[in-house]
């Protein structure tokens, strides 16, 4: 994922990110299969696929943390603290 792809991913919804993550996992599975059958010519594709998965998981985790923080703040405000 390039910087532009990361920016585009940040603009996507949670559902779209989940779909992208599923697609990336499927791509990695296919690359592993190609490696096992010695059909993969470019070994850097595996590394790129793993990094894409890590970046997508990071974006999803960031959103989870932000949502939890927002809920905590909303609860504190509602309690009058």
N, C-alpha and C. Protein backbone atom coordinates (compact mmCIF):
# COMPACT_ATOMS: atom_id res chain seq x y z
N UNK A 1 0.84 -1.18 0.00
CA UNK A 1 0.00 0.00 0.00
C UNK A 1 0.88 1.23 0.00
N UNK A 2 0.68 2.06 -0.95
CA UNK A 2 1.42 3.31 -1.00
C UNK A 2 0.75 4.32 -0.08
N UNK A 3 1.35 5.48 0.02
CA UNK A 3 0.79 6.53 0.85
C UNK A 3 -0.59 6.93 0.35
N UNK A 4 -0.74 7.00 -0.95
CA UNK A 4 -2.05 7.35 -1.53
C UNK A 4 -3.08 6.27 -1.21
N UNK A 5 -2.69 5.02 -1.30
CA UNK A 5 -3.62 3.93 -0.99
C UNK A 5 -4.01 3.97 0.48
N UNK A 6 -3.08 4.34 1.35
CA UNK A 6 -3.39 4.45 2.77
C UNK A 6 -4.39 5.57 3.00
N UNK A 7 -4.20 6.70 2.33
CA UNK A 7 -5.15 7.82 2.45
C UNK A 7 -6.53 7.39 1.97
N UNK A 8 -6.57 6.67 0.87
CA UNK A 8 -7.85 6.19 0.35
C UNK A 8 -8.50 5.21 1.32
N UNK A 9 -7.71 4.36 1.94
CA UNK A 9 -8.23 3.39 2.89
C UNK A 9 -8.82 4.09 4.12
N UNK A 10 -8.21 5.18 4.55
CA UNK A 10 -8.73 5.93 5.70
C UNK A 10 -10.09 6.54 5.39
N UNK A 11 -10.36 6.80 4.13
CA UNK A 11 -11.64 7.39 3.73
C UNK A 11 -12.75 6.35 3.60
N UNK A 12 -12.40 5.08 3.64
CA UNK A 12 -13.37 4.01 3.46
C UNK A 12 -14.11 3.73 4.77
N UNK A 13 -15.28 3.12 4.64
CA UNK A 13 -16.08 2.78 5.82
C UNK A 13 -15.51 1.52 6.47
N UNK A 14 -16.01 1.23 7.67
CA UNK A 14 -15.56 0.03 8.38
C UNK A 14 -15.88 -1.24 7.60
N UNK A 15 -17.05 -1.26 6.99
CA UNK A 15 -17.45 -2.44 6.21
C UNK A 15 -16.55 -2.63 5.00
N UNK A 16 -16.20 -1.53 4.35
CA UNK A 16 -15.32 -1.61 3.19
C UNK A 16 -13.93 -2.06 3.60
N UNK A 17 -13.46 -1.60 4.75
CA UNK A 17 -12.15 -2.05 5.24
C UNK A 17 -12.18 -3.54 5.54
N UNK A 18 -13.28 -4.01 6.12
CA UNK A 18 -13.39 -5.44 6.40
C UNK A 18 -13.37 -6.26 5.11
N UNK A 19 -14.03 -5.75 4.08
CA UNK A 19 -14.00 -6.43 2.77
C UNK A 19 -12.60 -6.42 2.18
N UNK A 20 -11.91 -5.28 2.31
CA UNK A 20 -10.53 -5.19 1.82
C UNK A 20 -9.63 -6.17 2.55
N UNK A 21 -9.83 -6.29 3.85
CA UNK A 21 -9.02 -7.20 4.65
C UNK A 21 -9.27 -8.65 4.23
N UNK A 22 -10.52 -9.00 4.01
CA UNK A 22 -10.85 -10.35 3.55
C UNK A 22 -10.22 -10.62 2.19
N UNK A 23 -10.28 -9.65 1.32
CA UNK A 23 -9.67 -9.78 -0.01
C UNK A 23 -8.16 -9.94 0.09
N UNK A 24 -7.54 -9.19 0.99
CA UNK A 24 -6.09 -9.28 1.17
C UNK A 24 -5.70 -10.65 1.72
N UNK A 25 -6.51 -11.18 2.65
CA UNK A 25 -6.23 -12.52 3.18
C UNK A 25 -6.36 -13.58 2.07
N UNK A 26 -7.36 -13.43 1.23
CA UNK A 26 -7.54 -14.36 0.11
C UNK A 26 -6.36 -14.28 -0.85
N UNK A 27 -5.90 -13.07 -1.10
CA UNK A 27 -4.74 -12.87 -1.98
C UNK A 27 -3.50 -13.54 -1.40
N UNK A 28 -3.30 -13.38 -0.09
CA UNK A 28 -2.15 -14.01 0.56
C UNK A 28 -2.25 -15.53 0.48
N UNK A 29 -3.45 -16.06 0.67
CA UNK A 29 -3.65 -17.50 0.55
C UNK A 29 -3.26 -17.98 -0.84
N UNK A 30 -3.71 -17.25 -1.86
CA UNK A 30 -3.38 -17.63 -3.24
C UNK A 30 -1.88 -17.55 -3.50
N UNK A 31 -1.23 -16.53 -2.95
CA UNK A 31 0.22 -16.40 -3.11
C UNK A 31 0.95 -17.56 -2.44
N UNK A 32 0.48 -17.96 -1.27
CA UNK A 32 1.10 -19.10 -0.58
C UNK A 32 0.92 -20.38 -1.40
N UNK A 33 -0.23 -20.52 -2.00
CA UNK A 33 -0.48 -21.69 -2.84
C UNK A 33 0.45 -21.68 -4.05
N UNK A 34 0.62 -20.51 -4.66
CA UNK A 34 1.52 -20.39 -5.80
C UNK A 34 2.96 -20.68 -5.40
N UNK A 35 3.34 -20.27 -4.20
CA UNK A 35 4.69 -20.55 -3.71
C UNK A 35 4.89 -22.06 -3.54
N UNK A 36 3.88 -22.71 -2.99
CA UNK A 36 3.99 -24.15 -2.74
C UNK A 36 4.09 -24.93 -4.04
N UNK A 37 3.44 -24.44 -5.09
CA UNK A 37 3.49 -25.14 -6.37
C UNK A 37 4.56 -24.57 -7.29
N UNK A 38 5.38 -23.70 -6.74
CA UNK A 38 6.51 -23.08 -7.45
C UNK A 38 6.07 -22.30 -8.70
N UNK A 39 4.94 -21.65 -8.60
CA UNK A 39 4.44 -20.84 -9.71
C UNK A 39 4.68 -19.35 -9.48
N UNK A 40 5.04 -18.98 -8.26
CA UNK A 40 5.23 -17.56 -7.93
C UNK A 40 6.61 -17.12 -8.38
N UNK A 41 6.64 -16.16 -9.29
CA UNK A 41 7.91 -15.68 -9.82
C UNK A 41 8.47 -14.54 -8.98
N UNK A 42 7.59 -13.70 -8.44
CA UNK A 42 8.02 -12.52 -7.69
C UNK A 42 7.73 -12.74 -6.21
N UNK A 43 8.76 -13.07 -5.45
CA UNK A 43 8.59 -13.36 -4.03
C UNK A 43 8.24 -12.13 -3.20
N UNK A 44 8.46 -10.94 -3.73
CA UNK A 44 8.14 -9.73 -2.97
C UNK A 44 6.63 -9.53 -2.84
N UNK A 45 5.86 -10.21 -3.65
CA UNK A 45 4.40 -10.09 -3.56
C UNK A 45 3.89 -10.59 -2.21
N UNK A 46 4.54 -11.62 -1.67
CA UNK A 46 4.15 -12.14 -0.35
C UNK A 46 4.34 -11.06 0.71
N UNK A 47 5.48 -10.41 0.69
CA UNK A 47 5.78 -9.37 1.67
C UNK A 47 4.80 -8.21 1.54
N UNK A 48 4.51 -7.82 0.30
CA UNK A 48 3.57 -6.72 0.06
C UNK A 48 2.18 -7.08 0.57
N UNK A 49 1.76 -8.31 0.36
CA UNK A 49 0.44 -8.73 0.81
C UNK A 49 0.36 -8.72 2.34
N UNK A 50 1.41 -9.19 2.99
CA UNK A 50 1.43 -9.19 4.46
C UNK A 50 1.41 -7.77 5.01
N UNK A 51 2.14 -6.87 4.37
CA UNK A 51 2.16 -5.48 4.83
C UNK A 51 0.80 -4.82 4.61
N UNK A 52 0.15 -5.16 3.51
CA UNK A 52 -1.19 -4.61 3.26
C UNK A 52 -2.16 -5.06 4.35
N UNK A 53 -2.08 -6.33 4.72
CA UNK A 53 -2.94 -6.85 5.78
C UNK A 53 -2.65 -6.13 7.09
N UNK A 54 -1.38 -5.94 7.41
CA UNK A 54 -1.00 -5.26 8.65
C UNK A 54 -1.52 -3.82 8.66
N UNK A 55 -1.42 -3.14 7.54
CA UNK A 55 -1.90 -1.75 7.48
C UNK A 55 -3.41 -1.68 7.64
N UNK A 56 -4.11 -2.60 7.01
CA UNK A 56 -5.57 -2.61 7.14
C UNK A 56 -5.98 -2.92 8.57
N UNK A 57 -5.31 -3.88 9.20
CA UNK A 57 -5.62 -4.21 10.60
C UNK A 57 -5.32 -3.02 11.51
N UNK A 58 -4.26 -2.29 11.21
CA UNK A 58 -3.92 -1.11 12.00
C UNK A 58 -5.01 -0.06 11.90
N UNK A 59 -5.49 0.19 10.69
CA UNK A 59 -6.57 1.17 10.51
C UNK A 59 -7.83 0.75 11.27
N UNK A 60 -8.17 -0.52 11.20
CA UNK A 60 -9.35 -1.01 11.91
C UNK A 60 -9.16 -0.87 13.41
N UNK A 61 -7.97 -1.19 13.91
CA UNK A 61 -7.69 -1.08 15.34
C UNK A 61 -7.73 0.38 15.79
N UNK A 62 -7.19 1.29 14.99
CA UNK A 62 -7.24 2.72 15.33
C UNK A 62 -8.68 3.18 15.48
N UNK A 63 -9.52 2.76 14.58
CA UNK A 63 -10.93 3.16 14.66
C UNK A 63 -11.61 2.58 15.89
N UNK A 64 -11.24 1.36 16.26
CA UNK A 64 -11.80 0.74 17.46
C UNK A 64 -11.40 1.53 18.70
N UNK A 65 -10.15 1.93 18.78
CA UNK A 65 -9.66 2.70 19.92
C UNK A 65 -10.36 4.05 19.99
N UNK A 66 -10.50 4.72 18.86
CA UNK A 66 -11.16 6.03 18.84
C UNK A 66 -12.62 5.90 19.27
N UNK A 67 -13.30 4.87 18.79
CA UNK A 67 -14.70 4.66 19.16
C UNK A 67 -14.84 4.40 20.66
N UNK A 68 -13.93 3.60 21.22
CA UNK A 68 -13.97 3.31 22.65
C UNK A 68 -13.72 4.58 23.46
N UNK A 69 -12.78 5.39 23.01
CA UNK A 69 -12.48 6.65 23.70
C UNK A 69 -13.69 7.59 23.64
N UNK A 70 -14.32 7.67 22.49
CA UNK A 70 -15.49 8.53 22.35
C UNK A 70 -16.63 8.07 23.26
N UNK A 71 -16.82 6.76 23.38
CA UNK A 71 -17.86 6.24 24.28
C UNK A 71 -17.53 6.58 25.73
N UNK A 72 -16.26 6.48 26.10
CA UNK A 72 -15.84 6.78 27.46
C UNK A 72 -16.07 8.25 27.78
N UNK A 73 -15.73 9.12 26.85
CA UNK A 73 -15.93 10.56 27.05
C UNK A 73 -17.43 10.87 27.14
N UNK A 74 -18.22 10.27 26.29
CA UNK A 74 -19.66 10.50 26.31
C UNK A 74 -20.26 10.04 27.63
N UNK A 75 -19.80 8.93 28.15
CA UNK A 75 -20.28 8.42 29.43
C UNK A 75 -19.89 9.36 30.56
N UNK A 76 -18.67 9.86 30.54
CA UNK A 76 -18.19 10.77 31.57
C UNK A 76 -18.98 12.08 31.55
N UNK A 77 -19.28 12.57 30.36
CA UNK A 77 -20.05 13.81 30.24
C UNK A 77 -21.48 13.59 30.72
N UNK A 78 -22.05 12.43 30.39
CA UNK A 78 -23.41 12.13 30.80
C UNK A 78 -23.52 11.97 32.31
N UNK A 79 -22.46 11.49 32.94
CA UNK A 79 -22.45 11.32 34.40
C UNK A 79 -22.18 12.63 35.12
N UNK A 80 -21.81 13.66 34.39
CA UNK A 80 -21.60 14.97 34.98
C UNK A 80 -20.21 15.20 35.53
N UNK A 81 -19.25 14.46 35.07
CA UNK A 81 -17.87 14.65 35.58
C UNK A 81 -17.16 15.72 34.86
